[in-house]
């Protein structure tokens, strides 16, 4: 008989410990959680793992994060009553992939994708459409604008793989790209990119990647992709 066992990701284990503290009353409703730095030291994990765990608990409605103030246990956990009684094994298979793991995979493959696309050096109407849609987003605090940005950003990066003309590369990129549609990725990305200046910076970076590809400059295309992804990694790993 085949086992469905899957080792838990680090952020899932961290979320379990914080969730247990909320259930036990160690972290009371409305109280402020320890800082991400303190939680990382207490639980002996990295700060990015704590950030991911906090994001997962935000998606469950168990905690809320206030910019410049910290993360608080929700005032009322009634809305999460369907979450609290669940055992870890009940939700284990549904856990989102770690956004940091996603970025590590992207850092391995996307610079290579940019190089391959630059060898063809062809403009792409869909990629340009996604660039325009991202540039048109002005109020990143608006949920509709956040969703528009999320979709355009994800499809732009996927379109770069299509621009290589390699079906296998596109399939591999599509699998990685699916994790960018998961709630945890969107939560950390939205929390990390929450002001117009940051949005415009990201737009400029996307534009530089695309123009380097169209110009056939493999080195520049790979360099810009790597720099962009490292910035994303910094922005979503921690805000404190």
Protein backbone atom coordinates (compact mmCIF):
# COMPACT_ATOMS: atom_id res chain seq x y z
CA UNK A 1 0.00 0.00 0.00
CA UNK A 2 1.42 3.36 -1.05
CA UNK A 3 1.88 5.90 1.73
CA UNK A 4 0.72 9.50 1.31
CA UNK A 5 3.25 10.68 3.89
CA UNK A 6 5.00 13.94 3.03
CA UNK A 7 7.54 15.60 5.31
CA UNK A 8 6.33 18.99 6.47
CA UNK A 9 8.04 22.09 5.18
CA UNK A 10 9.81 24.19 7.80
CA UNK A 11 7.24 26.99 7.66
CA UNK A 12 4.43 24.45 8.28
CA UNK A 13 6.18 23.24 11.42
CA UNK A 14 6.64 26.82 12.61
CA UNK A 15 2.97 27.60 11.90
CA UNK A 16 1.97 24.51 13.90
CA UNK A 17 3.91 25.75 16.93
CA UNK A 18 2.47 29.26 16.77
CA UNK A 19 -1.01 27.85 16.18
CA UNK A 20 -0.60 25.61 19.23
CA UNK A 21 0.39 28.65 21.28
CA UNK A 22 -2.77 30.45 20.18
CA UNK A 23 -4.96 27.47 20.97
CA UNK A 24 -3.40 27.02 24.41
CA UNK A 25 -3.86 30.69 25.30
CA UNK A 26 -0.12 31.40 25.40
CA UNK A 27 -0.88 34.03 22.75
CA UNK A 28 -4.25 35.53 23.70
CA UNK A 29 -6.76 36.99 21.26
CA UNK A 30 -5.75 40.53 20.37
CA UNK A 31 -2.24 40.17 21.78
CA UNK A 32 0.90 40.98 19.83
CA UNK A 33 3.06 38.05 18.81
CA UNK A 34 6.81 38.21 19.42
CA UNK A 35 8.70 39.81 16.54
CA UNK A 36 9.77 37.66 13.62
CA UNK A 37 13.36 37.93 14.84
CA UNK A 38 12.40 36.78 18.34
CA UNK A 39 10.28 33.92 17.02
CA UNK A 40 13.14 32.80 14.79
CA UNK A 41 15.50 32.73 17.77
CA UNK A 42 12.94 31.03 20.00
CA UNK A 43 12.10 28.31 17.47
CA UNK A 44 15.65 28.06 16.07
CA UNK A 45 14.61 28.63 12.46
CA UNK A 46 15.32 31.29 9.85
CA UNK A 47 13.37 34.53 9.72
CA UNK A 48 12.06 33.74 6.21
CA UNK A 49 10.53 30.52 7.61
CA UNK A 50 8.80 32.58 10.32
CA UNK A 51 7.58 35.09 7.71
CA UNK A 52 6.07 32.24 5.69
CA UNK A 53 4.44 30.76 8.78
CA UNK A 54 2.94 34.15 9.70
CA UNK A 55 1.66 34.48 6.13
CA UNK A 56 -0.01 31.07 6.33
CA UNK A 57 -1.68 32.01 9.62
CA UNK A 58 -2.83 35.30 8.09
CA UNK A 59 -4.49 33.35 5.30
CA UNK A 60 -6.26 31.26 7.93
CA UNK A 61 -7.50 34.42 9.67
CA UNK A 62 -5.72 33.54 12.91
CA UNK A 63 -3.40 36.56 12.92
CA UNK A 64 -3.30 40.02 11.38
CA UNK A 65 -0.21 42.05 10.53
CA UNK A 66 -0.18 45.82 10.82
CA UNK A 67 2.51 47.71 8.96
CA UNK A 68 4.96 49.27 11.39
CA UNK A 69 3.32 47.67 14.42
CA UNK A 70 3.70 43.90 14.26
CA UNK A 71 1.57 40.78 14.08
CA UNK A 72 -1.41 40.25 16.38
CA UNK A 73 -3.63 37.30 17.20
CA UNK A 74 -7.06 37.94 15.71
CA UNK A 75 -9.50 39.58 18.14
CA UNK A 76 -11.99 36.79 17.47
CA UNK A 77 -11.22 33.32 16.20
CA UNK A 78 -14.83 32.48 15.48
CA UNK A 79 -14.22 32.84 11.76
CA UNK A 80 -11.46 30.23 11.98
CA UNK A 81 -13.50 27.68 13.92
CA UNK A 82 -13.31 25.42 10.87
CA UNK A 83 -9.52 25.62 11.06
CA UNK A 84 -8.85 25.20 14.76
CA UNK A 85 -10.20 21.64 15.24
CA UNK A 86 -8.30 20.29 12.23
CA UNK A 87 -5.37 17.99 12.80
CA UNK A 88 -2.15 18.54 10.86
CA UNK A 89 -2.59 15.32 8.90
CA UNK A 90 -5.96 16.57 7.66
CA UNK A 91 -4.45 19.54 5.82
CA UNK A 92 -0.92 18.29 5.17
CA UNK A 93 -1.46 17.55 1.48
CA UNK A 94 -2.98 20.96 0.83
CA UNK A 95 -0.14 23.11 2.14
CA UNK A 96 1.26 25.69 -0.28
CA UNK A 97 4.85 25.41 -1.40
CA UNK A 98 7.33 27.59 0.47
CA UNK A 99 7.70 30.89 -1.44
CA UNK A 100 11.39 30.93 -0.54
CA UNK A 101 11.78 27.47 -2.10
CA UNK A 102 9.92 28.73 -5.14
CA UNK A 103 12.36 31.63 -5.45
CA UNK A 104 15.35 29.32 -5.10
CA UNK A 105 14.00 27.23 -7.98
CA UNK A 106 13.32 30.36 -10.01
CA UNK A 107 16.85 31.64 -9.42
CA UNK A 108 18.15 28.40 -10.90
CA UNK A 109 15.99 28.35 -14.00
CA UNK A 110 14.86 31.87 -14.93
CA UNK A 111 18.28 33.37 -15.74
CA UNK A 112 18.79 30.42 -18.11
CA UNK A 113 15.34 31.03 -19.60
CA UNK A 114 16.22 34.67 -20.20
CA UNK A 115 19.41 33.63 -21.99
CA UNK A 116 17.55 31.20 -24.24
CA UNK A 117 14.88 33.77 -25.04
CA UNK A 118 17.58 36.36 -25.83
CA UNK A 119 19.07 34.01 -28.42
CA UNK A 120 15.87 34.35 -30.41
CA UNK A 121 15.72 38.12 -29.79
CA UNK A 122 12.07 38.47 -30.81
CA UNK A 123 9.41 40.83 -29.51
CA UNK A 124 6.36 39.23 -27.96
CA UNK A 125 2.92 40.94 -27.93
CA UNK A 126 1.70 39.00 -24.89
CA UNK A 127 4.76 39.85 -22.81
CA UNK A 128 4.30 43.51 -23.75
CA UNK A 129 0.63 43.33 -22.80
CA UNK A 130 1.51 41.99 -19.35
CA UNK A 131 4.12 44.73 -18.93
CA UNK A 132 1.50 47.36 -19.70
CA UNK A 133 -0.99 45.82 -17.29
CA UNK A 134 1.59 45.93 -14.50
CA UNK A 135 2.49 49.53 -15.32
CA UNK A 136 -1.19 50.48 -15.14
CA UNK A 137 -1.45 49.32 -11.51
CA UNK A 138 -1.27 52.43 -9.33
CA UNK A 139 -3.01 51.54 -6.05
CA UNK A 140 -1.43 48.31 -4.83
CA UNK A 141 -3.52 48.50 -1.64
CA UNK A 142 -6.67 47.90 -3.70
CA UNK A 143 -7.47 44.14 -3.76
CA UNK A 144 -8.54 44.35 -7.41
CA UNK A 145 -5.26 46.01 -8.36
CA UNK A 146 -3.34 43.44 -6.30
CA UNK A 147 -5.05 40.63 -8.18
CA UNK A 148 -4.35 42.31 -11.52
CA UNK A 149 -0.69 42.76 -10.62
CA UNK A 150 -0.40 39.18 -9.40
CA UNK A 151 -1.81 37.72 -12.59
CA UNK A 152 0.17 39.99 -14.93
CA UNK A 153 3.43 39.40 -13.06
CA UNK A 154 2.97 35.63 -13.08
CA UNK A 155 2.01 35.48 -16.75
CA UNK A 156 4.86 37.77 -17.77
CA UNK A 157 7.45 35.45 -16.26
CA UNK A 158 5.74 32.44 -17.82
CA UNK A 159 5.71 34.18 -21.20
CA UNK A 160 9.49 34.59 -21.03
CA UNK A 161 9.71 30.79 -21.07
CA UNK A 162 7.37 30.67 -24.07
CA UNK A 163 9.69 33.13 -25.80
CA UNK A 164 12.46 30.50 -25.73
CA UNK A 165 10.49 28.43 -28.24
CA UNK A 166 11.30 25.32 -26.20
CA UNK A 167 8.22 23.34 -25.17
CA UNK A 168 10.00 21.41 -22.41
CA UNK A 169 11.40 24.59 -20.87
CA UNK A 170 7.90 26.08 -20.99
CA UNK A 171 6.44 23.03 -19.22
CA UNK A 172 9.05 23.20 -16.47
CA UNK A 173 8.45 26.93 -16.04
CA UNK A 174 4.71 26.35 -15.92
CA UNK A 175 5.04 23.96 -12.97
CA UNK A 176 7.10 26.49 -11.02
CA UNK A 177 4.77 29.29 -12.10
CA UNK A 178 1.77 27.49 -10.57
CA UNK A 179 3.21 28.07 -7.11
CA UNK A 180 3.01 31.83 -7.78
CA UNK A 181 -0.78 31.48 -7.93
CA UNK A 182 -0.96 29.94 -4.45
CA UNK A 183 -2.39 31.99 -1.56
CA UNK A 184 0.82 31.96 0.50
CA UNK A 185 2.92 33.33 -2.35
CA UNK A 186 0.34 36.06 -2.99
CA UNK A 187 0.15 36.94 0.71
CA UNK A 188 3.90 37.39 1.12
CA UNK A 189 4.25 39.17 -2.19
CA UNK A 190 1.39 41.60 -1.42
CA UNK A 191 2.76 42.22 2.10
CA UNK A 192 6.25 42.83 0.75
CA UNK A 193 5.22 45.09 -2.14
CA UNK A 194 2.78 47.54 -0.64
CA UNK A 195 3.76 50.99 -1.88
CA UNK A 196 3.62 52.68 -5.33
CA UNK A 197 7.38 53.31 -5.43
CA UNK A 198 8.14 49.62 -5.05
CA UNK A 199 5.63 48.75 -7.75
CA UNK A 200 7.24 51.18 -10.19
CA UNK A 201 10.66 49.72 -9.42
CA UNK A 202 9.39 46.24 -10.23
CA UNK A 203 7.85 47.51 -13.46
CA UNK A 204 11.20 49.01 -14.46
CA UNK A 205 13.01 45.76 -13.68
CA UNK A 206 10.55 43.75 -15.77
CA UNK A 207 10.98 46.21 -18.63
CA UNK A 208 14.78 45.92 -18.47
CA UNK A 209 14.56 42.12 -18.59
CA UNK A 210 12.29 42.24 -21.62
CA UNK A 211 14.32 44.82 -23.53
CA UNK A 212 17.55 42.88 -22.93
CA UNK A 213 15.89 39.76 -24.34
CA UNK A 214 14.57 41.59 -27.38
CA UNK A 215 18.02 43.11 -27.95
CA UNK A 216 19.56 39.66 -27.89
CA UNK A 217 21.81 40.47 -24.91
CA UNK A 218 21.99 37.15 -23.08
CA UNK A 219 24.27 38.35 -20.27
CA UNK A 220 22.16 41.42 -19.49
CA UNK A 221 18.91 39.46 -19.61
CA UNK A 222 20.22 36.85 -17.15
CA UNK A 223 21.74 39.55 -14.93
CA UNK A 224 18.52 41.56 -14.73
CA UNK A 225 16.41 38.48 -13.98
CA UNK A 226 18.74 37.40 -11.18
CA UNK A 227 18.80 40.89 -9.68
CA UNK A 228 15.02 41.16 -9.83
CA UNK A 229 14.45 37.79 -8.17
CA UNK A 230 16.94 38.58 -5.41
CA UNK A 231 15.04 41.80 -4.73
CA UNK A 232 11.77 39.87 -4.54
CA UNK A 233 13.46 37.41 -2.18
CA UNK A 234 14.51 40.26 0.14
CA UNK A 235 11.12 41.95 0.00
CA UNK A 236 9.04 38.90 0.91
CA UNK A 237 11.43 37.32 3.42
CA UNK A 238 10.93 39.83 6.22
CA UNK A 239 9.49 43.28 6.82
CA UNK A 240 10.69 43.98 10.35
